[in-house]
Amino acid sequence: TVAEEKMKNVAFIRTRVDHIESIFGRQEVSEIWITFPDPQPGK
């Protein structure tokens, strides 16, 4: 969709959320959405 609509303000990263501190620096992010995550029952 990003390619088809030529959106300039979007990126995607294929990785585990565990690794976000390796990808973003301190105070580099302004807001976070967590949308329908795995509820991990028992974990």
PDB file of all heavy atoms in Angstrom:
ATOM      1  N   THR A   1       0.833  -1.206   0.000  1.00  0.00           N
ATOM      2  CA  THR A   1       0.000   0.000   0.000  1.00  0.00           C
ATOM      3  C   THR A   1       0.866   1.254   0.000  1.00  0.00           C
ATOM      4  O   THR A   1       0.578   2.222  -0.720  1.00  0.00           O
ATOM      5  CB  THR A   1      -0.932   0.008   1.220  1.00  0.00           C
ATOM      6  OG1 THR A   1      -1.795  -1.141   1.154  1.00  0.00           O
ATOM      7  CG2 THR A   1      -1.785   1.271   1.252  1.00  0.00           C
ATOM      8  N   VAL A   2       1.925   1.254   0.800  1.00  0.00           N
ATOM      9  CA  VAL A   2       2.836   2.407   0.842  1.00  0.00           C
ATOM     10  C   VAL A   2       3.423   2.663  -0.542  1.00  0.00           C
ATOM     11  O   VAL A   2       3.499   3.801  -1.008  1.00  0.00           O
ATOM     12  CB  VAL A   2       3.967   2.174   1.870  1.00  0.00           C
ATOM     13  CG1 VAL A   2       5.044   3.252   1.743  1.00  0.00           C
ATOM     14  CG2 VAL A   2       3.397   2.177   3.276  1.00  0.00           C
ATOM     15  N   ALA A   3       3.832   1.579  -1.219  1.00  0.00           N
ATOM     16  CA  ALA A   3       4.415   1.720  -2.556  1.00  0.00           C
ATOM     17  C   ALA A   3       3.381   2.232  -3.559  1.00  0.00           C
ATOM     18  O   ALA A   3       3.666   3.135  -4.356  1.00  0.00           O
ATOM     19  CB  ALA A   3       4.982   0.380  -3.010  1.00  0.00           C
ATOM     20  N   GLU A   4       2.181   1.671  -3.506  1.00  0.00           N
ATOM     21  CA  GLU A   4       1.135   2.052  -4.468  1.00  0.00           C
ATOM     22  C   GLU A   4       0.683   3.501  -4.267  1.00  0.00           C
ATOM     23  O   GLU A   4       0.414   4.210  -5.238  1.00  0.00           O
ATOM     24  CB  GLU A   4      -0.064   1.107  -4.311  1.00  0.00           C
ATOM     25  CG  GLU A   4       0.208  -0.308  -4.796  1.00  0.00           C
ATOM     26  CD  GLU A   4      -0.893  -1.278  -4.431  1.00  0.00           C
ATOM     27  OE1 GLU A   4      -1.738  -0.953  -3.563  1.00  0.00           O
ATOM     28  OE2 GLU A   4      -0.923  -2.383  -5.006  1.00  0.00           O
ATOM     29  N   GLU A   5       0.604   3.919  -3.016  1.00  0.00           N
ATOM     30  CA  GLU A   5       0.116   5.271  -2.722  1.00  0.00           C
ATOM     31  C   GLU A   5       1.245   6.283  -2.551  1.00  0.00           C
ATOM     32  O   GLU A   5       0.987   7.448  -2.261  1.00  0.00           O
ATOM     33  CB  GLU A   5      -0.777   5.231  -1.476  1.00  0.00           C
ATOM     34  CG  GLU A   5      -2.003   4.352  -1.665  1.00  0.00           C
ATOM     35  CD  GLU A   5      -2.974   4.409  -0.495  1.00  0.00           C
ATOM     36  OE1 GLU A   5      -2.771   5.238   0.414  1.00  0.00           O
ATOM     37  OE2 GLU A   5      -3.937   3.621  -0.504  1.00  0.00           O
ATOM     38  N   LYS A   6       2.483   5.812  -2.720  1.00  0.00           N
ATOM     39  CA  LYS A   6       3.664   6.690  -2.643  1.00  0.00           C
ATOM     40  C   LYS A   6       3.685   7.497  -1.332  1.00  0.00           C
ATOM     41  O   LYS A   6       3.929   8.702  -1.328  1.00  0.00           O
ATOM     42  CB  LYS A   6       3.712   7.625  -3.859  1.00  0.00           C
ATOM     43  CG  LYS A   6       3.874   6.891  -5.184  1.00  0.00           C
ATOM     44  CD  LYS A   6       3.903   7.858  -6.353  1.00  0.00           C
ATOM     45  CE  LYS A   6       4.259   7.153  -7.655  1.00  0.00           C
ATOM     46  NZ  LYS A   6       3.331   6.066  -8.019  1.00  0.00           N
ATOM     47  N   MET A   7       3.451   6.800  -0.243  1.00  0.00           N
ATOM     48  CA  MET A   7       3.445   7.435   1.073  1.00  0.00           C
ATOM     49  C   MET A   7       4.885   7.656   1.538  1.00  0.00           C
ATOM     50  O   MET A   7       5.696   6.726   1.519  1.00  0.00           O
ATOM     51  CB  MET A   7       2.670   6.583   2.080  1.00  0.00           C
ATOM     52  CG  MET A   7       1.221   6.340   1.680  1.00  0.00           C
ATOM     53  SD  MET A   7       0.316   5.253   2.824  1.00  0.00           S
ATOM     54  CE  MET A   7       0.026   6.389   4.183  1.00  0.00           C
ATOM     55  N   LYS A   8       5.185   8.859   1.943  1.00  0.00           N
ATOM     56  CA  LYS A   8       6.561   9.224   2.310  1.00  0.00           C
ATOM     57  C   LYS A   8       6.816   9.194   3.816  1.00  0.00           C
ATOM     58  O   LYS A   8       7.959   9.349   4.244  1.00  0.00           O
ATOM     59  CB  LYS A   8       6.892  10.627   1.783  1.00  0.00           C
ATOM     60  CG  LYS A   8       6.754  10.776   0.270  1.00  0.00           C
ATOM     61  CD  LYS A   8       7.712   9.875  -0.463  1.00  0.00           C
ATOM     62  CE  LYS A   8       7.645  10.105  -1.977  1.00  0.00           C
ATOM     63  NZ  LYS A   8       8.535   9.156  -2.719  1.00  0.00           N
ATOM     64  N   ASN A   9       5.767   9.038   4.606  1.00  0.00           N
ATOM     65  CA  ASN A   9       5.930   9.124   6.061  1.00  0.00           C
ATOM     66  C   ASN A   9       5.693   7.782   6.763  1.00  0.00           C
ATOM     67  O   ASN A   9       5.264   7.731   7.912  1.00  0.00           O
ATOM     68  CB  ASN A   9       4.992  10.192   6.653  1.00  0.00           C
ATOM     69  CG  ASN A   9       3.519   9.876   6.441  1.00  0.00           C
ATOM     70  OD1 ASN A   9       3.141   9.212   5.476  1.00  0.00           O
ATOM     71  ND2 ASN A   9       2.677  10.368   7.354  1.00  0.00           N
ATOM     72  N   VAL A  10       5.979   6.674   6.050  1.00  0.00           N
ATOM     73  CA  VAL A  10       5.738   5.338   6.600  1.00  0.00           C
ATOM     74  C   VAL A  10       6.941   4.426   6.356  1.00  0.00           C
ATOM     75  O   VAL A  10       7.549   4.444   5.276  1.00  0.00           O
ATOM     76  CB  VAL A  10       4.493   4.677   5.958  1.00  0.00           C
ATOM     77  CG1 VAL A  10       4.263   3.285   6.549  1.00  0.00           C
ATOM     78  CG2 VAL A  10       3.255   5.534   6.163  1.00  0.00           C
ATOM     79  N   ALA A  11       7.268   3.630   7.369  1.00  0.00           N
ATOM     80  CA  ALA A  11       8.254   2.558   7.235  1.00  0.00           C
ATOM     81  C   ALA A  11       7.748   1.356   8.019  1.00  0.00           C
ATOM     82  O   ALA A  11       6.882   1.488   8.905  1.00  0.00           O
ATOM     83  CB  ALA A  11       9.621   2.994   7.753  1.00  0.00           C
ATOM     84  N   PHE A  12       8.279   0.191   7.698  1.00  0.00           N
ATOM     85  CA  PHE A  12       7.959  -1.025   8.443  1.00  0.00           C
ATOM     86  C   PHE A  12       9.265  -1.733   8.806  1.00  0.00           C
ATOM     87  O   PHE A  12      10.260  -1.648   8.075  1.00  0.00           O
ATOM     88  CB  PHE A  12       7.076  -1.962   7.620  1.00  0.00           C
ATOM     89  CG  PHE A  12       5.668  -1.477   7.430  1.00  0.00           C
ATOM     90  CD1 PHE A  12       5.291  -0.827   6.263  1.00  0.00           C
ATOM     91  CD2 PHE A  12       4.718  -1.653   8.425  1.00  0.00           C
ATOM     92  CE1 PHE A  12       3.996  -0.365   6.089  1.00  0.00           C
ATOM     93  CE2 PHE A  12       3.417  -1.186   8.260  1.00  0.00           C
ATOM     94  CZ  PHE A  12       3.055  -0.553   7.086  1.00  0.00           C
ATOM     95  N   ILE A  13       9.233  -2.433   9.930  1.00  0.00           N
ATOM     96  CA  ILE A  13      10.393  -3.205  10.373  1.00  0.00           C
ATOM     97  C   ILE A  13       9.931  -4.610  10.716  1.00  0.00           C
ATOM     98  O   ILE A  13       8.993  -4.790  11.503  1.00  0.00           O
ATOM     99  CB  ILE A  13      11.073  -2.585  11.602  1.00  0.00           C
ATOM    100  CG1 ILE A  13      11.407  -1.117  11.362  1.00  0.00           C
ATOM    101  CG2 ILE A  13      12.340  -3.360  11.963  1.00  0.00           C
ATOM    102  CD1 ILE A  13      11.875  -0.382  12.615  1.00  0.00           C
ATOM    103  N   ARG A  14      10.589  -5.606  10.133  1.00  0.00           N
ATOM    104  CA  ARG A  14      10.276  -6.992  10.469  1.00  0.00           C
ATOM    105  C   ARG A  14      11.230  -7.457  11.566  1.00  0.00           C
ATOM    106  O   ARG A  14      12.403  -7.757  11.314  1.00  0.00           O
ATOM    107  CB  ARG A  14      10.405  -7.895   9.236  1.00  0.00           C
ATOM    108  CG  ARG A  14       9.976  -9.327   9.522  1.00  0.00           C
ATOM    109  CD  ARG A  14      10.211 -10.239   8.342  1.00  0.00           C
ATOM    110  NE  ARG A  14       9.795 -11.588   8.653  1.00  0.00           N
ATOM    111  CZ  ARG A  14      10.044 -12.657   7.887  1.00  0.00           C
ATOM    112  NH1 ARG A  14      10.711 -12.500   6.745  1.00  0.00           N
ATOM    113  NH2 ARG A  14       9.635 -13.854   8.251  1.00  0.00           N
ATOM    114  N   THR A  15      10.730  -7.492  12.779  1.00  0.00           N
ATOM    115  CA  THR A  15      11.542  -7.917  13.922  1.00  0.00           C
ATOM    116  C   THR A  15      10.635  -8.142  15.111  1.00  0.00           C
ATOM    117  O   THR A  15       9.447  -7.835  15.074  1.00  0.00           O
ATOM    118  CB  THR A  15      12.624  -6.869  14.271  1.00  0.00           C
ATOM    119  OG1 THR A  15      13.543  -7.423  15.221  1.00  0.00           O
ATOM    120  CG2 THR A  15      12.008  -5.613  14.866  1.00  0.00           C
ATOM    121  N   ARG A  16      11.192  -8.663  16.194  1.00  0.00           N
ATOM    122  CA  ARG A  16      10.464  -8.797  17.454  1.00  0.00           C
ATOM    123  C   ARG A  16      10.481  -7.460  18.190  1.00  0.00           C
ATOM    124  O   ARG A  16      11.476  -6.736  18.116  1.00  0.00           O
ATOM    125  CB  ARG A  16      11.090  -9.877  18.337  1.00  0.00           C
ATOM    126  CG  ARG A  16      10.993 -11.275  17.767  1.00  0.00           C
ATOM    127  CD  ARG A  16      11.530 -12.306  18.763  1.00  0.00           C
ATOM    128  NE  ARG A  16      11.503 -13.637  18.192  1.00  0.00           N
ATOM    129  CZ  ARG A  16      10.433 -14.428  18.189  1.00  0.00           C
ATOM    130  NH1 ARG A  16       9.294 -14.005  18.742  1.00  0.00           N
ATOM    131  NH2 ARG A  16      10.479 -15.625  17.647  1.00  0.00           N
ATOM    132  N   VAL A  17       9.426  -7.184  18.909  1.00  0.00           N
ATOM    133  CA  VAL A  17       9.357  -5.947  19.692  1.00  0.00           C
ATOM    134  C   VAL A  17      10.463  -5.908  20.738  1.00  0.00           C
ATOM    135  O   VAL A  17      10.930  -4.832  21.117  1.00  0.00           O
ATOM    136  CB  VAL A  17       7.962  -5.807  20.339  1.00  0.00           C
ATOM    137  CG1 VAL A  17       7.900  -4.601  21.262  1.00  0.00           C
ATOM    138  CG2 VAL A  17       6.883  -5.701  19.259  1.00  0.00           C
ATOM    139  N   ASP A  18      10.934  -7.082  21.160  1.00  0.00           N
ATOM    140  CA  ASP A  18      12.038  -7.154  22.130  1.00  0.00           C
ATOM    141  C   ASP A  18      13.249  -6.323  21.707  1.00  0.00           C
ATOM    142  O   ASP A  18      14.033  -5.884  22.550  1.00  0.00           O
ATOM    143  CB  ASP A  18      12.520  -8.603  22.298  1.00  0.00           C
ATOM    144  CG  ASP A  18      11.406  -9.596  22.538  1.00  0.00           C
ATOM    145  OD1 ASP A  18      10.462  -9.641  21.731  1.00  0.00           O
ATOM    146  OD2 ASP A  18      11.486 -10.341  23.532  1.00  0.00           O
ATOM    147  N   HIS A  19      13.426  -6.105  20.401  1.00  0.00           N
ATOM    148  CA  HIS A  19      14.658  -5.497  19.891  1.00  0.00           C
ATOM    149  C   HIS A  19      14.556  -3.991  19.646  1.00  0.00           C
ATOM    150  O   HIS A  19      15.487  -3.407  19.085  1.00  0.00           O
ATOM    151  CB  HIS A  19      15.065  -6.192  18.588  1.00  0.00           C
ATOM    152  CG  HIS A  19      15.283  -7.660  18.725  1.00  0.00           C
ATOM    153  ND1 HIS A  19      16.134  -8.203  19.662  1.00  0.00           N
ATOM    154  CD2 HIS A  19      14.752  -8.711  18.042  1.00  0.00           C
ATOM    155  CE1 HIS A  19      16.124  -9.524  19.553  1.00  0.00           C
ATOM    156  NE2 HIS A  19      15.291  -9.858  18.581  1.00  0.00           N
ATOM    157  N   ILE A  20      13.487  -3.355  20.095  1.00  0.00           N
ATOM    158  CA  ILE A  20      13.309  -1.944  19.712  1.00  0.00           C
ATOM    159  C   ILE A  20      14.402  -1.028  20.264  1.00  0.00           C
ATOM    160  O   ILE A  20      14.705   0.000  19.658  1.00  0.00           O
ATOM    161  CB  ILE A  20      11.915  -1.400  20.098  1.00  0.00           C
ATOM    162  CG1 ILE A  20      11.656  -1.558  21.588  1.00  0.00           C
ATOM    163  CG2 ILE A  20      10.835  -2.045  19.271  1.00  0.00           C
ATOM    164  CD1 ILE A  20      10.366  -0.897  22.023  1.00  0.00           C
ATOM    165  N   GLU A  21      15.022  -1.400  21.395  1.00  0.00           N
ATOM    166  CA  GLU A  21      16.084  -0.539  21.927  1.00  0.00           C
ATOM    167  C   GLU A  21      17.340  -0.575  21.061  1.00  0.00           C
ATOM    168  O   GLU A  21      18.184   0.317  21.160  1.00  0.00           O
ATOM    169  CB  GLU A  21      16.432  -0.943  23.357  1.00  0.00           C
ATOM    170  CG  GLU A  21      15.361  -0.594  24.366  1.00  0.00           C
ATOM    171  CD  GLU A  21      15.698  -1.117  25.744  1.00  0.00           C
ATOM    172  OE1 GLU A  21      15.623  -2.351  25.936  1.00  0.00           O
ATOM    173  OE2 GLU A  21      16.050  -0.311  26.620  1.00  0.00           O
ATOM    174  N   SER A  22      17.461  -1.607  20.230  1.00  0.00           N
ATOM    175  CA  SER A  22      18.584  -1.677  19.294  1.00  0.00           C
ATOM    176  C   SER A  22      18.314  -0.865  18.030  1.00  0.00           C
ATOM    177  O   SER A  22      19.237  -0.539  17.293  1.00  0.00           O
ATOM    178  CB  SER A  22      18.851  -3.136  18.897  1.00  0.00           C
ATOM    179  OG  SER A  22      19.211  -3.910  20.026  1.00  0.00           O
ATOM    180  N   ILE A  23      17.054  -0.547  17.795  1.00  0.00           N
ATOM    181  CA  ILE A  23      16.652   0.105  16.550  1.00  0.00           C
ATOM    182  C   ILE A  23      16.414   1.604  16.729  1.00  0.00           C
ATOM    183  O   ILE A  23      16.634   2.395  15.808  1.00  0.00           O
ATOM    184  CB  ILE A  23      15.391  -0.590  15.995  1.00  0.00           C
ATOM    185  CG1 ILE A  23      15.737  -2.043  15.639  1.00  0.00           C
ATOM    186  CG2 ILE A  23      14.839   0.134  14.778  1.00  0.00           C
ATOM    187  CD1 ILE A  23      14.544  -2.890  15.287  1.00  0.00           C
ATOM    188  N   PHE A  24      15.969   1.992  17.935  1.00  0.00           N
ATOM    189  CA  PHE A  24      15.690   3.398  18.219  1.00  0.00           C
ATOM    190  C   PHE A  24      16.541   3.882  19.385  1.00  0.00           C
ATOM    191  O   PHE A  24      16.820   3.129  20.326  1.00  0.00           O
ATOM    192  CB  PHE A  24      14.203   3.597  18.544  1.00  0.00           C
ATOM    193  CG  PHE A  24      13.282   3.164  17.448  1.00  0.00           C
ATOM    194  CD1 PHE A  24      12.661   1.920  17.494  1.00  0.00           C
ATOM    195  CD2 PHE A  24      13.053   3.971  16.353  1.00  0.00           C
ATOM    196  CE1 PHE A  24      11.831   1.501  16.474  1.00  0.00           C
ATOM    197  CE2 PHE A  24      12.225   3.561  15.319  1.00  0.00           C
ATOM    198  CZ  PHE A  24      11.614   2.325  15.384  1.00  0.00           C
ATOM    199  N   GLY A  25      16.935   5.141  19.319  1.00  0.00           N
ATOM    200  CA  GLY A  25      17.743   5.723  20.373  1.00  0.00           C
ATOM    201  C   GLY A  25      16.890   6.289  21.494  1.00  0.00           C
ATOM    202  O   GLY A  25      15.656   6.284  21.430  1.00  0.00           O
ATOM    203  N   ARG A  26      17.533   6.779  22.519  1.00  0.00           N
ATOM    204  CA  ARG A  26      16.819   7.371  23.647  1.00  0.00           C
ATOM    205  C   ARG A  26      16.002   8.579  23.195  1.00  0.00           C
ATOM    206  O   ARG A  26      16.488   9.438  22.470  1.00  0.00           O
ATOM    207  CB  ARG A  26      17.800   7.784  24.748  1.00  0.00           C
ATOM    208  CG  ARG A  26      18.436   6.604  25.478  1.00  0.00           C
ATOM    209  CD  ARG A  26      19.199   7.068  26.706  1.00  0.00           C
ATOM    210  NE  ARG A  26      18.296   7.610  27.702  1.00  0.00           N
ATOM    211  CZ  ARG A  26      17.594   6.884  28.572  1.00  0.00           C
ATOM    212  NH1 ARG A  26      17.661   5.565  28.535  1.00  0.00           N
ATOM    213  NH2 ARG A  26      16.813   7.471  29.451  1.00  0.00           N
ATOM    214  N   GLN A  27      14.740   8.576  23.596  1.00  0.00           N
ATOM    215  CA  GLN A  27      13.812   9.666  23.304  1.00  0.00           C
ATOM    216  C   GLN A  27      13.691   9.960  21.805  1.00  0.00           C
ATOM    217  O   GLN A  27      13.442  11.088  21.396  1.00  0.00           O
ATOM    218  CB  GLN A  27      14.228  10.932  24.060  1.00  0.00           C
ATOM    219  CG  GLN A  27      14.229  10.754  25.568  1.00  0.00           C
ATOM    220  CD  GLN A  27      14.379  12.056  26.334  1.00  0.00           C
ATOM    221  OE1 GLN A  27      14.546  13.129  25.750  1.00  0.00           O
ATOM    222  NE2 GLN A  27      14.297  11.990  27.647  1.00  0.00           N
ATOM    223  N   GLU A  28      13.813   8.927  20.997  1.00  0.00           N
ATOM    224  CA  GLU A  28      13.670   9.112  19.554  1.00  0.00           C
ATOM    225  C   GLU A  28      12.214   8.974  19.098  1.00  0.00           C
ATOM    226  O   GLU A  28      11.862   9.412  18.005  1.00  0.00           O
ATOM    227  CB  GLU A  28      14.548   8.110  18.805  1.00  0.00           C
ATOM    228  CG  GLU A  28      14.677   8.417  17.322  1.00  0.00           C
ATOM    229  CD  GLU A  28      15.725   7.568  16.619  1.00  0.00           C
ATOM    230  OE1 GLU A  28      16.154   6.546  17.191  1.00  0.00           O
ATOM    231  OE2 GLU A  28      16.110   7.933  15.501  1.00  0.00           O
ATOM    232  N   VAL A  29      11.383   8.372  19.941  1.00  0.00           N
ATOM    233  CA  VAL A  29       9.990   8.066  19.584  1.00  0.00           C
ATOM    234  C   VAL A  29       9.050   8.955  20.391  1.00  0.00           C
ATOM    235  O   VAL A  29       9.283   9.223  21.568  1.00  0.00           O
ATOM    236  CB  VAL A  29       9.692   6.578  19.857  1.00  0.00           C
ATOM    237  CG1 VAL A  29       8.220   6.261  19.661  1.00  0.00           C
ATOM    238  CG2 VAL A  29      10.563   5.696  18.964  1.00  0.00           C
ATOM    239  N   SER A  30       7.980   9.409  19.751  1.00  0.00           N
ATOM    240  CA  SER A  30       7.039  10.321  20.398  1.00  0.00           C
ATOM    241  C   SER A  30       5.762   9.653  20.895  1.00  0.00           C
ATOM    242  O   SER A  30       5.086  10.189  21.769  1.00  0.00           O
ATOM    243  CB  SER A  30       6.665  11.458  19.440  1.00  0.00           C
ATOM    244  OG  SER A  30       7.779  12.283  19.196  1.00  0.00           O
ATOM    245  N   GLU A  31       5.405   8.497  20.336  1.00  0.00           N
ATOM    246  CA  GLU A  31       4.119   7.882  20.696  1.00  0.00           C
ATOM    247  C   GLU A  31       4.144   6.423  20.275  1.00  0.00           C
ATOM    248  O   GLU A  31       4.823   6.061  19.299  1.00  0.00           O
ATOM    249  CB  GLU A  31       2.988   8.624  19.975  1.00  0.00           C
ATOM    250  CG  GLU A  31       1.598   8.382  20.486  1.00  0.00           C
ATOM    251  CD  GLU A  31       0.590   9.334  19.844  1.00  0.00           C
ATOM    252  OE1 GLU A  31       1.024  10.364  19.265  1.00  0.00           O
ATOM    253  OE2 GLU A  31      -0.624   9.044  19.916  1.00  0.00           O
ATOM    254  N   ILE A  32       3.412   5.575  21.002  1.00  0.00           N
ATOM    255  CA  ILE A  32       3.357   4.143  20.691  1.00  0.00           C
ATOM    256  C   ILE A  32       1.908   3.667  20.697  1.00  0.00           C
ATOM    257  O   ILE A  32       1.145   3.964  21.624  1.00  0.00           O
ATOM    258  CB  ILE A  32       4.173   3.318  21.704  1.00  0.00           C
ATOM    259  CG1 ILE A  32       5.675   3.591  21.528  1.00  0.00           C
ATOM    260  CG2 ILE A  32       3.888   1.826  21.557  1.00  0.00           C
ATOM    261  CD1 ILE A  32       6.561   2.908  22.564  1.00  0.00           C
ATOM    262  N   TRP A  33       1.550   2.913  19.659  1.00  0.00           N
ATOM    263  CA  TRP A  33       0.275   2.203  19.596  1.00  0.00           C
ATOM    264  C   TRP A  33       0.548   0.701  19.686  1.00  0.00           C
ATOM    265  O   TRP A  33       1.413   0.189  18.972  1.00  0.00           O
ATOM    266  CB  TRP A  33      -0.455   2.493  18.285  1.00  0.00           C
ATOM    267  CG  TRP A  33      -1.121   3.827  18.240  1.00  0.00           C
ATOM    268  CD1 TRP A  33      -0.535   5.043  17.992  1.00  0.00           C
ATOM    269  CD2 TRP A  33      -2.511   4.103  18.455  1.00  0.00           C
ATOM    270  NE1 TRP A  33      -1.459   6.048  18.038  1.00  0.00           N
ATOM    271  CE2 TRP A  33      -2.695   5.503  18.323  1.00  0.00           C
ATOM    272  CE3 TRP A  33      -3.618   3.307  18.744  1.00  0.00           C
ATOM    273  CZ2 TRP A  33      -3.931   6.116  18.461  1.00  0.00           C
ATOM    274  CZ3 TRP A  33      -4.860   3.922  18.884  1.00  0.00           C
ATOM    275  CH2 TRP A  33      -5.004   5.297  18.746  1.00  0.00           C
ATOM    276  N   ILE A  34      -0.189   0.026  20.559  1.00  0.00           N
ATOM    277  CA  ILE A  34      -0.137  -1.441  20.655  1.00  0.00           C
ATOM    278  C   ILE A  34      -1.525  -1.928  20.264  1.00  0.00           C
ATOM    279  O   ILE A  34      -2.492  -1.750  21.012  1.00  0.00           O
ATOM    280  CB  ILE A  34       0.233  -1.897  22.075  1.00  0.00           C
ATOM    281  CG1 ILE A  34       1.553  -1.245  22.526  1.00  0.00           C
ATOM    282  CG2 ILE A  34       0.354  -3.419  22.141  1.00  0.00           C
ATOM    283  CD1 ILE A  34       1.888  -1.474  23.992  1.00  0.00           C
ATOM    284  N   THR A  35      -1.632  -2.499  19.093  1.00  0.00           N
ATOM    285  CA  THR A  35      -2.949  -2.820  18.532  1.00  0.00           C
ATOM    286  C   THR A  35      -3.161  -4.334  18.456  1.00  0.00           C
ATOM    287  O   THR A  35      -2.501  -5.020  17.685  1.00  0.00           O
ATOM    288  CB  THR A  35      -3.093  -2.199  17.133  1.00  0.00           C
ATOM    289  OG1 THR A  35      -1.937  -2.519  16.354  1.00  0.00           O
ATOM    290  CG2 THR A  35      -3.210  -0.678  17.232  1.00  0.00           C
ATOM    291  N   PHE A  36      -4.070  -4.817  19.261  1.00  0.00           N
ATOM    292  CA  PHE A  36      -4.478  -6.220  19.274  1.00  0.00           C
ATOM    293  C   PHE A  36      -3.294  -7.184  19.370  1.00  0.00           C
ATOM    294  O   PHE A  36      -3.104  -8.049  18.513  1.00  0.00           O
ATOM    295  CB  PHE A  36      -5.359  -6.531  18.060  1.00  0.00           C
ATOM    296  CG  PHE A  36      -6.600  -5.695  18.029  1.00  0.00           C
ATOM    297  CD1 PHE A  36      -6.644  -4.534  17.264  1.00  0.00           C
ATOM    298  CD2 PHE A  36      -7.683  -6.015  18.823  1.00  0.00           C
ATOM    299  CE1 PHE A  36      -7.778  -3.717  17.279  1.00  0.00           C
ATOM    300  CE2 PHE A  36      -8.820  -5.199  18.842  1.00  0.00           C
ATOM    301  CZ  PHE A  36      -8.866  -4.059  18.068  1.00  0.00           C
ATOM    302  N   PRO A  37      -2.480  -7.024  20.416  1.00  0.00           N
ATOM    303  CA  PRO A  37      -1.339  -7.921  20.582  1.00  0.00           C
ATOM    304  C   PRO A  37      -1.790  -9.312  21.029  1.00  0.00           C
ATOM    305  O   PRO A  37      -2.906  -9.491  21.534  1.00  0.00           O
ATOM    306  CB  PRO A  37      -0.535  -7.241  21.703  1.00  0.00           C
ATOM    307  CG  PRO A  37      -1.590  -6.562  22.518  1.00  0.00           C
ATOM    308  CD  PRO A  37      -2.604  -6.059  21.515  1.00  0.00           C
ATOM    309  N   ASP A  38      -0.925 -10.281  20.854  1.00  0.00           N
ATOM    310  CA  ASP A  38      -1.158 -11.624  21.395  1.00  0.00           C
ATOM    311  C   ASP A  38      -1.290 -11.493  22.915  1.00  0.00           C
ATOM    312  O   ASP A  38      -0.384 -10.986  23.575  1.00  0.00           O
ATOM    313  CB  ASP A  38       0.031 -12.514  21.043  1.00  0.00           C
ATOM    314  CG  ASP A  38      -0.186 -13.972  21.442  1.00  0.00           C
ATOM    315  OD1 ASP A  38      -0.989 -14.238  22.357  1.00  0.00           O
ATOM    316  OD2 ASP A  38       0.478 -14.840  20.851  1.00  0.00           O
ATOM    317  N   PRO A  39      -2.408 -11.931  23.505  1.00  0.00           N
ATOM    318  CA  PRO A  39      -2.584 -11.772  24.954  1.00  0.00           C
ATOM    319  C   PRO A  39      -1.677 -12.671  25.787  1.00  0.00           C
ATOM    320  O   PRO A  39      -1.591 -12.499  27.009  1.00  0.00           O
ATOM    321  CB  PRO A  39      -4.057 -12.110  25.169  1.00  0.00           C
ATOM    322  CG  PRO A  39      -4.442 -12.961  24.010  1.00  0.00           C
ATOM    323  CD  PRO A  39      -3.613 -12.479  22.852  1.00  0.00           C
ATOM    324  N   GLN A  40      -1.019 -13.627  25.155  1.00  0.00           N
ATOM    325  CA  GLN A  40      -0.054 -14.487  25.830  1.00  0.00           C
ATOM    326  C   GLN A  40      -0.617 -15.072  27.136  1.00  0.00           C
ATOM    327  O   GLN A  40      -0.044 -14.890  28.215  1.00  0.00           O
ATOM    328  CB  GLN A  40       1.226 -13.703  26.123  1.00  0.00           C
ATOM    329  CG  GLN A  40       1.962 -13.179  24.912  1.00  0.00           C
ATOM    330  CD  GLN A  40       2.668 -14.281  24.126  1.00  0.00           C
ATOM    331  OE1 GLN A  40       2.724 -15.444  24.543  1.00  0.00           O
ATOM    332  NE2 GLN A  40       3.232 -13.934  22.993  1.00  0.00           N
ATOM    333  N   PRO A  41      -1.707 -15.816  27.080  1.00  0.00           N
ATOM    334  CA  PRO A  41      -2.240 -16.423  28.302  1.00  0.00           C
ATOM    335  C   PRO A  41      -1.224 -17.389  28.914  1.00  0.00           C
ATOM    336  O   PRO A  41      -0.662 -18.238  28.226  1.00  0.00           O
ATOM    337  CB  PRO A  41      -3.489 -17.166  27.814  1.00  0.00           C
ATOM    338  CG  PRO A  41      -3.288 -17.352  26.345  1.00  0.00           C
ATOM    339  CD  PRO A  41      -2.483 -16.180  25.881  1.00  0.00           C
ATOM    340  N   GLY A  42      -0.944 -17.196  30.190  1.00  0.00           N
ATOM    341  CA  GLY A  42       0.018 -18.055  30.874  1.00  0.00           C
ATOM    342  C   GLY A  42       1.459 -17.647  30.676  1.00  0.00           C
ATOM    343  O   GLY A  42       2.369 -18.274  31.233  1.00  0.00           O
ATOM    344  N   LYS A  43       1.711 -16.596  29.884  1.00  0.00           N
ATOM    345  CA  LYS A  43       3.086 -16.129  29.636  1.00  0.00           C
ATOM    346  C   LYS A  43       3.146 -14.624  29.879  1.00  0.00           C
ATOM    347  O   LYS A  43       3.389 -13.836  28.968  1.00  0.00           O
ATOM    348  CB  LYS A  43       3.519 -16.455  28.208  1.00  0.00           C
ATOM    349  CG  LYS A  43       3.525 -17.940  27.883  1.00  0.00           C
ATOM    350  CD  LYS A  43       3.913 -18.186  26.436  1.00  0.00           C
ATOM    351  CE  LYS A  43       3.876 -19.668  26.098  1.00  0.00           C
ATOM    352  NZ  LYS A  43       4.213 -19.904  24.665  1.00  0.00           N
TER     353      LYS A  43
END
